Amino acid sequence: MPEQAMAGTGGTAFEDVWIWLKENIEGTLGRIICGAIVVVGIVAGIARQSLISFAIGIGGGMGLYNTPTIIESIVSAMIEHADKASTLVMTLNNGL
């Protein structure tokens, strides 16, 4: 088992773009867009007489708002409770 995980440190040129995009998605503009997606889902659900369209609108709005958090969680190499996890992995590794 490796001692530590190392993520890439390149791409600092795009850091400003990521911060701008994240602030827009999680800020007022993102909330307006998420609300519009939910409203469109409600209208589509009423028009089609189906709850699936309504659920897709809710899921799309929630997914858009949480996208920056999800992306940062996937691409980061930080494990918050690594000390506890390493004990579990060693326990599972030897079969006991």
PDB file of N, CA and C in Angstrom:
ATOM      1  N   MET A   1       0.846  -1.173   0.000  1.00  0.00           N
ATOM      2  CA  MET A   1       0.000   0.000   0.000  1.00  0.00           C
ATOM      3  C   MET A   1       0.894   1.239   0.000  1.00  0.00           C
ATOM      4  N   PRO A   2       0.638   2.203  -0.897  1.00  0.00           N
ATOM      5  CA  PRO A   2       1.491   3.386  -0.954  1.00  0.00           C
ATOM      6  C   PRO A   2       1.376   4.229   0.311  1.00  0.00           C
ATOM      7  N   GLU A   3       2.449   4.902   0.627  1.00  0.00           N
ATOM      8  CA  GLU A   3       2.483   5.752   1.815  1.00  0.00           C
ATOM      9  C   GLU A   3       1.610   6.999   1.654  1.00  0.00           C
ATOM     10  N   GLN A   4       1.624   7.599   0.465  1.00  0.00           N
ATOM     11  CA  GLN A   4       0.853   8.816   0.263  1.00  0.00           C
ATOM     12  C   GLN A   4       0.421   8.920  -1.199  1.00  0.00           C
ATOM     13  N   ALA A   5      -0.609   9.675  -1.443  1.00  0.00           N
ATOM     14  CA  ALA A   5      -1.097   9.909  -2.803  1.00  0.00           C
ATOM     15  C   ALA A   5      -0.683  11.302  -3.224  1.00  0.00           C
ATOM     16  N   MET A   6      -0.187  11.408  -4.437  1.00  0.00           N
ATOM     17  CA  MET A   6       0.263  12.699  -4.947  1.00  0.00           C
ATOM     18  C   MET A   6      -0.598  13.068  -6.155  1.00  0.00           C
ATOM     19  N   ALA A   7      -1.220  14.217  -6.113  1.00  0.00           N
ATOM     20  CA  ALA A   7      -2.025  14.692  -7.233  1.00  0.00           C
ATOM     21  C   ALA A   7      -1.189  15.668  -8.052  1.00  0.00           C
ATOM     22  N   GLY A   8      -1.591  15.884  -9.289  1.00  0.00           N
ATOM     23  CA  GLY A   8      -0.890  16.828 -10.144  1.00  0.00           C
ATOM     24  C   GLY A   8      -1.015  18.244  -9.622  1.00  0.00           C
ATOM     25  N   THR A   9       0.035  19.018  -9.813  1.00  0.00           N
ATOM     26  CA  THR A   9       0.017  20.398  -9.337  1.00  0.00           C
ATOM     27  C   THR A   9      -0.054  21.391 -10.485  1.00  0.00           C
ATOM     28  N   GLY A  10      -0.136  20.898 -11.722  1.00  0.00           N
ATOM     29  CA  GLY A  10      -0.197  21.794 -12.876  1.00  0.00           C
ATOM     30  C   GLY A  10      -1.580  22.377 -13.047  1.00  0.00           C
ATOM     31  N   GLY A  11      -1.705  23.254 -14.030  1.00  0.00           N
ATOM     32  CA  GLY A  11      -3.007  23.821 -14.345  1.00  0.00           C
ATOM     33  C   GLY A  11      -3.372  25.041 -13.540  1.00  0.00           C
ATOM     34  N   THR A  12      -2.393  25.704 -12.956  1.00  0.00           N
ATOM     35  CA  THR A  12      -2.710  26.894 -12.164  1.00  0.00           C
ATOM     36  C   THR A  12      -3.215  28.041 -13.039  1.00  0.00           C
ATOM     37  N   ALA A  13      -2.959  27.944 -14.348  1.00  0.00           N
ATOM     38  CA  ALA A  13      -3.447  28.989 -15.251  1.00  0.00           C
ATOM     39  C   ALA A  13      -4.974  29.006 -15.303  1.00  0.00           C
ATOM     40  N   PHE A  14      -5.596  27.871 -15.022  1.00  0.00           N
ATOM     41  CA  PHE A  14      -7.044  27.774 -15.089  1.00  0.00           C
ATOM     42  C   PHE A  14      -7.716  27.913 -13.726  1.00  0.00           C
ATOM     43  N   GLU A  15      -6.951  28.176 -12.692  1.00  0.00           N
ATOM     44  CA  GLU A  15      -7.510  28.302 -11.344  1.00  0.00           C
ATOM     45  C   GLU A  15      -8.531  29.428 -11.264  1.00  0.00           C
ATOM     46  N   ASP A  16      -8.241  30.552 -11.910  1.00  0.00           N
ATOM     47  CA  ASP A  16      -9.182  31.679 -11.892  1.00  0.00           C
ATOM     48  C   ASP A  16     -10.491  31.327 -12.591  1.00  0.00           C
ATOM     49  N   VAL A  17     -10.408  30.560 -13.667  1.00  0.00           N
ATOM     50  CA  VAL A  17     -11.614  30.149 -14.393  1.00  0.00           C
ATOM     51  C   VAL A  17     -12.453  29.229 -13.510  1.00  0.00           C
ATOM     52  N   TRP A  18     -11.793  28.288 -12.822  1.00  0.00           N
ATOM     53  CA  TRP A  18     -12.525  27.362 -11.953  1.00  0.00           C
ATOM     54  C   TRP A  18     -13.207  28.111 -10.812  1.00  0.00           C
ATOM     55  N   ILE A  19     -12.510  29.054 -10.202  1.00  0.00           N
ATOM     56  CA  ILE A  19     -13.088  29.824  -9.101  1.00  0.00           C
ATOM     57  C   ILE A  19     -14.293  30.631  -9.603  1.00  0.00           C
ATOM     58  N   TRP A  20     -14.160  31.259 -10.779  1.00  0.00           N
ATOM     59  CA  TRP A  20     -15.267  32.039 -11.348  1.00  0.00           C
ATOM     60  C   TRP A  20     -16.469  31.149 -11.626  1.00  0.00           C
ATOM     61  N   LEU A  21     -16.218  29.993 -12.237  1.00  0.00           N
ATOM     62  CA  LEU A  21     -17.305  29.072 -12.558  1.00  0.00           C
ATOM     63  C   LEU A  21     -17.981  28.546 -11.302  1.00  0.00           C
ATOM     64  N   LYS A  22     -17.183  28.181 -10.298  1.00  0.00           N
ATOM     65  CA  LYS A  22     -17.733  27.669  -9.037  1.00  0.00           C
ATOM     66  C   LYS A  22     -18.575  28.729  -8.333  1.00  0.00           C
ATOM     67  N   GLU A  23     -18.083  29.970  -8.296  1.00  0.00           N
ATOM     68  CA  GLU A  23     -18.838  31.037  -7.645  1.00  0.00           C
ATOM     69  C   GLU A  23     -20.153  31.310  -8.372  1.00  0.00           C
ATOM     70  N   ASN A  24     -20.154  31.207  -9.701  1.00  0.00           N
ATOM     71  CA  ASN A  24     -21.396  31.423 -10.449  1.00  0.00           C
ATOM     72  C   ASN A  24     -22.390  30.293 -10.228  1.00  0.00           C
ATOM     73  N   ILE A  25     -21.896  29.054 -10.205  1.00  0.00           N
ATOM     74  CA  ILE A  25     -22.801  27.918 -10.025  1.00  0.00           C
ATOM     75  C   ILE A  25     -23.393  27.911  -8.625  1.00  0.00           C
ATOM     76  N   GLU A  26     -22.583  28.181  -7.620  1.00  0.00           N
ATOM     77  CA  GLU A  26     -23.062  28.134  -6.240  1.00  0.00           C
ATOM     78  C   GLU A  26     -23.625  29.471  -5.765  1.00  0.00           C
ATOM     79  N   GLY A  27     -23.520  30.502  -6.583  1.00  0.00           N
ATOM     80  CA  GLY A  27     -24.016  31.818  -6.203  1.00  0.00           C
ATOM     81  C   GLY A  27     -25.441  32.054  -6.672  1.00  0.00           C
ATOM     82  N   THR A  28     -25.791  33.310  -6.797  1.00  0.00           N
ATOM     83  CA  THR A  28     -27.150  33.689  -7.165  1.00  0.00           C
ATOM     84  C   THR A  28     -27.516  33.214  -8.568  1.00  0.00           C
ATOM     85  N   LEU A  29     -26.588  33.348  -9.522  1.00  0.00           N
ATOM     86  CA  LEU A  29     -26.866  32.899 -10.886  1.00  0.00           C
ATOM     87  C   LEU A  29     -27.150  31.402 -10.921  1.00  0.00           C
ATOM     88  N   GLY A  30     -26.364  30.620 -10.223  1.00  0.00           N
ATOM     89  CA  GLY A  30     -26.582  29.177 -10.173  1.00  0.00           C
ATOM     90  C   GLY A  30     -27.906  28.809  -9.537  1.00  0.00           C
ATOM     91  N   ARG A  31     -28.281  29.523  -8.499  1.00  0.00           N
ATOM     92  CA  ARG A  31     -29.575  29.258  -7.850  1.00  0.00           C
ATOM     93  C   ARG A  31     -30.733  29.575  -8.783  1.00  0.00           C
ATOM     94  N   ILE A  32     -30.598  30.653  -9.565  1.00  0.00           N
ATOM     95  CA  ILE A  32     -31.644  31.003 -10.526  1.00  0.00           C
ATOM     96  C   ILE A  32     -31.753  29.921 -11.597  1.00  0.00           C
ATOM     97  N   ILE A  33     -30.619  29.463 -12.108  1.00  0.00           N
ATOM     98  CA  ILE A  33     -30.628  28.411 -13.132  1.00  0.00           C
ATOM     99  C   ILE A  33     -31.203  27.116 -12.563  1.00  0.00           C
ATOM    100  N   CYS A  34     -30.789  26.756 -11.345  1.00  0.00           N
ATOM    101  CA  CYS A  34     -31.326  25.540 -10.710  1.00  0.00           C
ATOM    102  C   CYS A  34     -32.831  25.655 -10.501  1.00  0.00           C
ATOM    103  N   GLY A  35     -33.289  26.809 -10.068  1.00  0.00           N
ATOM    104  CA  GLY A  35     -34.722  27.026  -9.899  1.00  0.00           C
ATOM    105  C   GLY A  35     -35.468  26.917 -11.217  1.00  0.00           C
ATOM    106  N   ALA A  36     -34.874  27.454 -12.288  1.00  0.00           N
ATOM    107  CA  ALA A  36     -35.504  27.361 -13.609  1.00  0.00           C
ATOM    108  C   ALA A  36     -35.581  25.909 -14.075  1.00  0.00           C
ATOM    109  N   ILE A  37     -34.528  25.129 -13.821  1.00  0.00           N
ATOM    110  CA  ILE A  37     -34.548  23.709 -14.191  1.00  0.00           C
ATOM    111  C   ILE A  37     -35.657  22.986 -13.441  1.00  0.00           C
ATOM    112  N   VAL A  38     -35.806  23.279 -12.162  1.00  0.00           N
ATOM    113  CA  VAL A  38     -36.853  22.642 -11.364  1.00  0.00           C
ATOM    114  C   VAL A  38     -38.238  23.042 -11.882  1.00  0.00           C
ATOM    115  N   VAL A  39     -38.430  24.321 -12.185  1.00  0.00           N
ATOM    116  CA  VAL A  39     -39.725  24.783 -12.694  1.00  0.00           C
ATOM    117  C   VAL A  39     -40.036  24.122 -14.036  1.00  0.00           C
ATOM    118  N   VAL A  40     -39.050  24.029 -14.922  1.00  0.00           N
ATOM    119  CA  VAL A  40     -39.264  23.359 -16.207  1.00  0.00           C
ATOM    120  C   VAL A  40     -39.624  21.892 -15.973  1.00  0.00           C
ATOM    121  N   GLY A  41     -38.980  21.247 -15.004  1.00  0.00           N
ATOM    122  CA  GLY A  41     -39.319  19.867 -14.676  1.00  0.00           C
ATOM    123  C   GLY A  41     -40.739  19.730 -14.167  1.00  0.00           C
ATOM    124  N   ILE A  42     -41.177  20.681 -13.342  1.00  0.00           N
ATOM    125  CA  ILE A  42     -42.557  20.656 -12.837  1.00  0.00           C
ATOM    126  C   ILE A  42     -43.547  20.831 -13.990  1.00  0.00           C
ATOM    127  N   VAL A  43     -43.269  21.791 -14.874  1.00  0.00           N
ATOM    128  CA  VAL A  43     -44.163  22.028 -16.010  1.00  0.00           C
ATOM    129  C   VAL A  43     -44.185  20.807 -16.931  1.00  0.00           C
ATOM    130  N   ALA A  44     -43.023  20.225 -17.199  1.00  0.00           N
ATOM    131  CA  ALA A  44     -42.973  19.030 -18.047  1.00  0.00           C
ATOM    132  C   ALA A  44     -43.708  17.868 -17.387  1.00  0.00           C
ATOM    133  N   GLY A  45     -43.581  17.747 -16.064  1.00  0.00           N
ATOM    134  CA  GLY A  45     -44.293  16.692 -15.351  1.00  0.00           C
ATOM    135  C   GLY A  45     -45.796  16.857 -15.439  1.00  0.00           C
ATOM    136  N   ILE A  46     -46.259  18.097 -15.343  1.00  0.00           N
ATOM    137  CA  ILE A  46     -47.697  18.360 -15.463  1.00  0.00           C
ATOM    138  C   ILE A  46     -48.168  18.106 -16.895  1.00  0.00           C
ATOM    139  N   ALA A  47     -47.373  18.554 -17.879  1.00  0.00           N
ATOM    140  CA  ALA A  47     -47.764  18.385 -19.281  1.00  0.00           C
ATOM    141  C   ALA A  47     -47.798  16.920 -19.689  1.00  0.00           C
ATOM    142  N   ARG A  48     -46.860  16.135 -19.195  1.00  0.00           N
ATOM    143  CA  ARG A  48     -46.792  14.720 -19.570  1.00  0.00           C
ATOM    144  C   ARG A  48     -47.563  13.816 -18.620  1.00  0.00           C
ATOM    145  N   GLN A  49     -48.094  14.398 -17.564  1.00  0.00           N
ATOM    146  CA  GLN A  49     -48.797  13.609 -16.550  1.00  0.00           C
ATOM    147  C   GLN A  49     -47.895  12.511 -15.992  1.00  0.00           C
ATOM    148  N   SER A  50     -46.652  12.903 -15.683  1.00  0.00           N
ATOM    149  CA  SER A  50     -45.665  11.933 -15.239  1.00  0.00           C
ATOM    150  C   SER A  50     -44.806  12.537 -14.134  1.00  0.00           C
ATOM    151  N   LEU A  51     -44.528  11.752 -13.136  1.00  0.00           N
ATOM    152  CA  LEU A  51     -43.640  12.200 -12.064  1.00  0.00           C
ATOM    153  C   LEU A  51     -42.175  12.112 -12.453  1.00  0.00           C
ATOM    154  N   ILE A  52     -41.856  11.339 -13.489  1.00  0.00           N
ATOM    155  CA  ILE A  52     -40.459  11.178 -13.901  1.00  0.00           C
ATOM    156  C   ILE A  52     -39.887  12.508 -14.380  1.00  0.00           C
ATOM    157  N   SER A  53     -40.626  13.269 -15.158  1.00  0.00           N
ATOM    158  CA  SER A  53     -40.147  14.577 -15.625  1.00  0.00           C
ATOM    159  C   SER A  53     -39.910  15.513 -14.453  1.00  0.00           C
ATOM    160  N   PHE A  54     -40.794  15.454 -13.470  1.00  0.00           N
ATOM    161  CA  PHE A  54     -40.628  16.260 -12.264  1.00  0.00           C
ATOM    162  C   PHE A  54     -39.360  15.850 -11.520  1.00  0.00           C
ATOM    163  N   ALA A  55     -39.130  14.543 -11.390  1.00  0.00           N
ATOM    164  CA  ALA A  55     -37.951  14.036 -10.691  1.00  0.00           C
ATOM    165  C   ALA A  55     -36.665  14.396 -11.430  1.00  0.00           C
ATOM    166  N   ILE A  56     -36.704  14.363 -12.755  1.00  0.00           N
ATOM    167  CA  ILE A  56     -35.524  14.735 -13.545  1.00  0.00           C
ATOM    168  C   ILE A  56     -35.208  16.216 -13.348  1.00  0.00           C
ATOM    169  N   GLY A  57     -36.218  17.062 -13.284  1.00  0.00           N
ATOM    170  CA  GLY A  57     -35.994  18.488 -13.032  1.00  0.00           C
ATOM    171  C   GLY A  57     -35.385  18.728 -11.665  1.00  0.00           C
ATOM    172  N   ILE A  58     -35.902  18.053 -10.642  1.00  0.00           N
ATOM    173  CA  ILE A  58     -35.338  18.188  -9.289  1.00  0.00           C
ATOM    174  C   ILE A  58     -33.899  17.676  -9.270  1.00  0.00           C
ATOM    175  N   GLY A  59     -33.675  16.510  -9.865  1.00  0.00           N
ATOM    176  CA  GLY A  59     -32.326  15.930  -9.895  1.00  0.00           C
ATOM    177  C   GLY A  59     -31.344  16.790 -10.668  1.00  0.00           C
ATOM    178  N   GLY A  60     -31.801  17.372 -11.779  1.00  0.00           N
ATOM    179  CA  GLY A  60     -30.932  18.250 -12.564  1.00  0.00           C
ATOM    180  C   GLY A  60     -30.539  19.500 -11.792  1.00  0.00           C
ATOM    181  N   GLY A  61     -31.503  20.088 -11.103  1.00  0.00           N
ATOM    182  CA  GLY A  61     -31.203  21.284 -10.302  1.00  0.00           C
ATOM    183  C   GLY A  61     -30.249  20.985  -9.163  1.00  0.00           C
ATOM    184  N   MET A  62     -30.497  19.886  -8.466  1.00  0.00           N
ATOM    185  CA  MET A  62     -29.597  19.514  -7.359  1.00  0.00           C
ATOM    186  C   MET A  62     -28.218  19.132  -7.889  1.00  0.00           C
ATOM    187  N   GLY A  63     -28.195  18.432  -9.015  1.00  0.00           N
ATOM    188  CA  GLY A  63     -26.910  18.024  -9.600  1.00  0.00           C
ATOM    189  C   GLY A  63     -26.084  19.216 -10.034  1.00  0.00           C
ATOM    190  N   LEU A  64     -26.718  20.193 -10.661  1.00  0.00           N
ATOM    191  CA  LEU A  64     -25.991  21.386 -11.101  1.00  0.00           C
ATOM    192  C   LEU A  64     -25.414  22.139  -9.915  1.00  0.00           C
ATOM    193  N   TYR A  65     -26.205  22.315  -8.877  1.00  0.00           N
ATOM    194  CA  TYR A  65     -25.729  23.071  -7.715  1.00  0.00           C
ATOM    195  C   TYR A  65     -24.562  22.357  -7.019  1.00  0.00           C
ATOM    196  N   ASN A  66     -24.593  21.040  -6.977  1.00  0.00           N
ATOM    197  CA  ASN A  66     -23.558  20.284  -6.266  1.00  0.00           C
ATOM    198  C   ASN A  66     -22.396  19.852  -7.160  1.00  0.00           C
ATOM    199  N   THR A  67     -22.409  20.220  -8.438  1.00  0.00           N
ATOM    200  CA  THR A  67     -21.361  19.811  -9.361  1.00  0.00           C
ATOM    201  C   THR A  67     -19.958  20.224  -8.913  1.00  0.00           C
ATOM    202  N   PRO A  68     -19.694  21.473  -8.490  1.00  0.00           N
ATOM    203  CA  PRO A  68     -18.330  21.812  -8.066  1.00  0.00           C
ATOM    204  C   PRO A  68     -17.835  20.961  -6.893  1.00  0.00           C
ATOM    205  N   THR A  69     -18.698  20.694  -5.936  1.00  0.00           N
ATOM    206  CA  THR A  69     -18.310  19.864  -4.791  1.00  0.00           C
ATOM    207  C   THR A  69     -17.995  18.445  -5.237  1.00  0.00           C
ATOM    208  N   ILE A  70     -18.804  17.908  -6.132  1.00  0.00           N
ATOM    209  CA  ILE A  70     -18.585  16.548  -6.629  1.00  0.00           C
ATOM    210  C   ILE A  70     -17.278  16.471  -7.397  1.00  0.00           C
ATOM    211  N   ILE A  71     -17.020  17.425  -8.277  1.00  0.00           N
ATOM    212  CA  ILE A  71     -15.797  17.414  -9.070  1.00  0.00           C
ATOM    213  C   ILE A  71     -14.576  17.529  -8.173  1.00  0.00           C
ATOM    214  N   GLU A  72     -14.602  18.433  -7.189  1.00  0.00           N
ATOM    215  CA  GLU A  72     -13.465  18.579  -6.291  1.00  0.00           C
ATOM    216  C   GLU A  72     -13.244  17.325  -5.453  1.00  0.00           C
ATOM    217  N   SER A  73     -14.310  16.644  -5.084  1.00  0.00           N
ATOM    218  CA  SER A  73     -14.179  15.410  -4.317  1.00  0.00           C
ATOM    219  C   SER A  73     -13.574  14.290  -5.149  1.00  0.00           C
ATOM    220  N   ILE A  74     -13.923  14.235  -6.426  1.00  0.00           N
ATOM    221  CA  ILE A  74     -13.414  13.176  -7.290  1.00  0.00           C
ATOM    222  C   ILE A  74     -11.939  13.383  -7.611  1.00  0.00           C
ATOM    223  N   VAL A  75     -11.545  14.592  -7.935  1.00  0.00           N
ATOM    224  CA  VAL A  75     -10.171  14.817  -8.394  1.00  0.00           C
ATOM    225  C   VAL A  75      -9.182  15.090  -7.276  1.00  0.00           C
ATOM    226  N   SER A  76      -9.630  15.286  -6.073  1.00  0.00           N
ATOM    227  CA  SER A  76      -8.679  15.515  -4.989  1.00  0.00           C
ATOM    228  C   SER A  76      -8.201  14.180  -4.436  1.00  0.00           C
ATOM    229  N   ALA A  77      -6.988  14.167  -3.922  1.00  0.00           N
ATOM    230  CA  ALA A  77      -6.413  12.921  -3.407  1.00  0.00           C
ATOM    231  C   ALA A  77      -6.410  12.900  -1.890  1.00  0.00           C
ATOM    232  N   MET A  78      -7.143  13.812  -1.273  1.00  0.00           N
ATOM    233  CA  MET A  78      -7.133  13.895   0.183  1.00  0.00           C
ATOM    234  C   MET A  78      -8.129  12.910   0.788  1.00  0.00           C
ATOM    235  N   ILE A  79      -7.679  12.173   1.758  1.00  0.00           N
ATOM    236  CA  ILE A  79      -8.555  11.282   2.504  1.00  0.00           C
ATOM    237  C   ILE A  79      -8.594  11.811   3.927  1.00  0.00           C
ATOM    238  N   GLU A  80      -9.785  12.192   4.386  1.00  0.00           N
ATOM    239  CA  GLU A  80      -9.905  12.851   5.681  1.00  0.00           C
ATOM    240  C   GLU A  80      -9.539  11.931   6.842  1.00  0.00           C
ATOM    241  N   HIS A  81      -9.931  10.681   6.775  1.00  0.00           N
ATOM    242  CA  HIS A  81      -9.717   9.758   7.878  1.00  0.00           C
ATOM    243  C   HIS A  81      -8.752   8.652   7.464  1.00  0.00           C
ATOM    244  N   ALA A  82      -7.636   9.032   6.851  1.00  0.00           N
ATOM    245  CA  ALA A  82      -6.691   8.043   6.330  1.00  0.00           C
ATOM    246  C   ALA A  82      -6.085   7.198   7.440  1.00  0.00           C
ATOM    247  N   ASP A  83      -5.863   7.763   8.623  1.00  0.00           N
ATOM    248  CA  ASP A  83      -5.265   6.991   9.704  1.00  0.00           C
ATOM    249  C   ASP A  83      -6.169   5.838  10.136  1.00  0.00           C
ATOM    250  N   LYS A  84      -7.473   6.069  10.163  1.00  0.00           N
ATOM    251  CA  LYS A  84      -8.411   5.010  10.524  1.00  0.00           C
ATOM    252  C   LYS A  84      -8.578   4.011   9.381  1.00  0.00           C
ATOM    253  N   ALA A  85      -8.543   4.505   8.148  1.00  0.00           N
ATOM    254  CA  ALA A  85      -8.719   3.622   6.997  1.00  0.00           C
ATOM    255  C   ALA A  85      -7.534   2.693   6.829  1.00  0.00           C
ATOM    256  N   SER A  86      -6.311   3.164   7.109  1.00  0.00           N
ATOM    257  CA  SER A  86      -5.143   2.309   6.938  1.00  0.00           C
ATOM    258  C   SER A  86      -5.183   1.130   7.906  1.00  0.00           C
ATOM    259  N   THR A  87      -5.687   1.328   9.104  1.00  0.00           N
ATOM    260  CA  THR A  87      -5.829   0.231  10.057  1.00  0.00           C
ATOM    261  C   THR A  87      -6.826  -0.794   9.541  1.00  0.00           C
ATOM    262  N   LEU A  88      -7.914  -0.330   8.963  1.00  0.00           N
ATOM    263  CA  LEU A  88      -8.918  -1.225   8.404  1.00  0.00           C
ATOM    264  C   LEU A  88      -8.365  -1.997   7.221  1.00  0.00           C
ATOM    265  N   VAL A  89      -7.619  -1.325   6.354  1.00  0.00           N
ATOM    266  CA  VAL A  89      -7.053  -1.983   5.183  1.00  0.00           C
ATOM    267  C   VAL A  89      -6.053  -3.045   5.616  1.00  0.00           C
ATOM    268  N   MET A  90      -5.222  -2.758   6.616  1.00  0.00           N
ATOM    269  CA  MET A  90      -4.263  -3.760   7.090  1.00  0.00           C
ATOM    270  C   MET A  90      -5.005  -4.939   7.707  1.00  0.00           C
ATOM    271  N   THR A  91      -6.096  -4.680   8.394  1.00  0.00           N
ATOM    272  CA  THR A  91      -6.870  -5.762   8.977  1.00  0.00           C
ATOM    273  C   THR A  91      -7.480  -6.641   7.888  1.00  0.00           C
ATOM    274  N   LEU A  92      -8.026  -6.007   6.857  1.00  0.00           N
ATOM    275  CA  LEU A  92      -8.625  -6.763   5.760  1.00  0.00           C
ATOM    276  C   LEU A  92      -7.564  -7.484   4.928  1.00  0.00           C
ATOM    277  N   ASN A  93      -6.382  -6.899   4.839  1.00  0.00           N
ATOM    278  CA  ASN A  93      -5.317  -7.459   4.025  1.00  0.00           C
ATOM    279  C   ASN A  93      -4.832  -8.811   4.571  1.00  0.00           C
ATOM    280  N   ASN A  94      -4.726  -8.934   5.890  1.00  0.00           N
ATOM    281  CA  ASN A  94      -4.221 -10.193   6.434  1.00  0.00           C
ATOM    282  C   ASN A  94      -5.345 -11.201   6.709  1.00  0.00           C
ATOM    283  N   GLY A  95      -6.564 -10.844   6.423  1.00  0.00           N
ATOM    284  CA  GLY A  95      -7.665 -11.780   6.524  1.00  0.00           C
ATOM    285  C   GLY A  95      -8.290 -11.878   7.906  1.00  0.00           C
ATOM    286  N   LEU A  96      -7.857 -11.110   8.858  1.00  0.00           N
ATOM    287  CA  LEU A  96      -8.416 -11.197  10.210  1.00  0.00           C
ATOM    288  C   LEU A  96      -9.269 -10.001  10.525  1.00  0.00           C
TER     289      LEU A  96
END
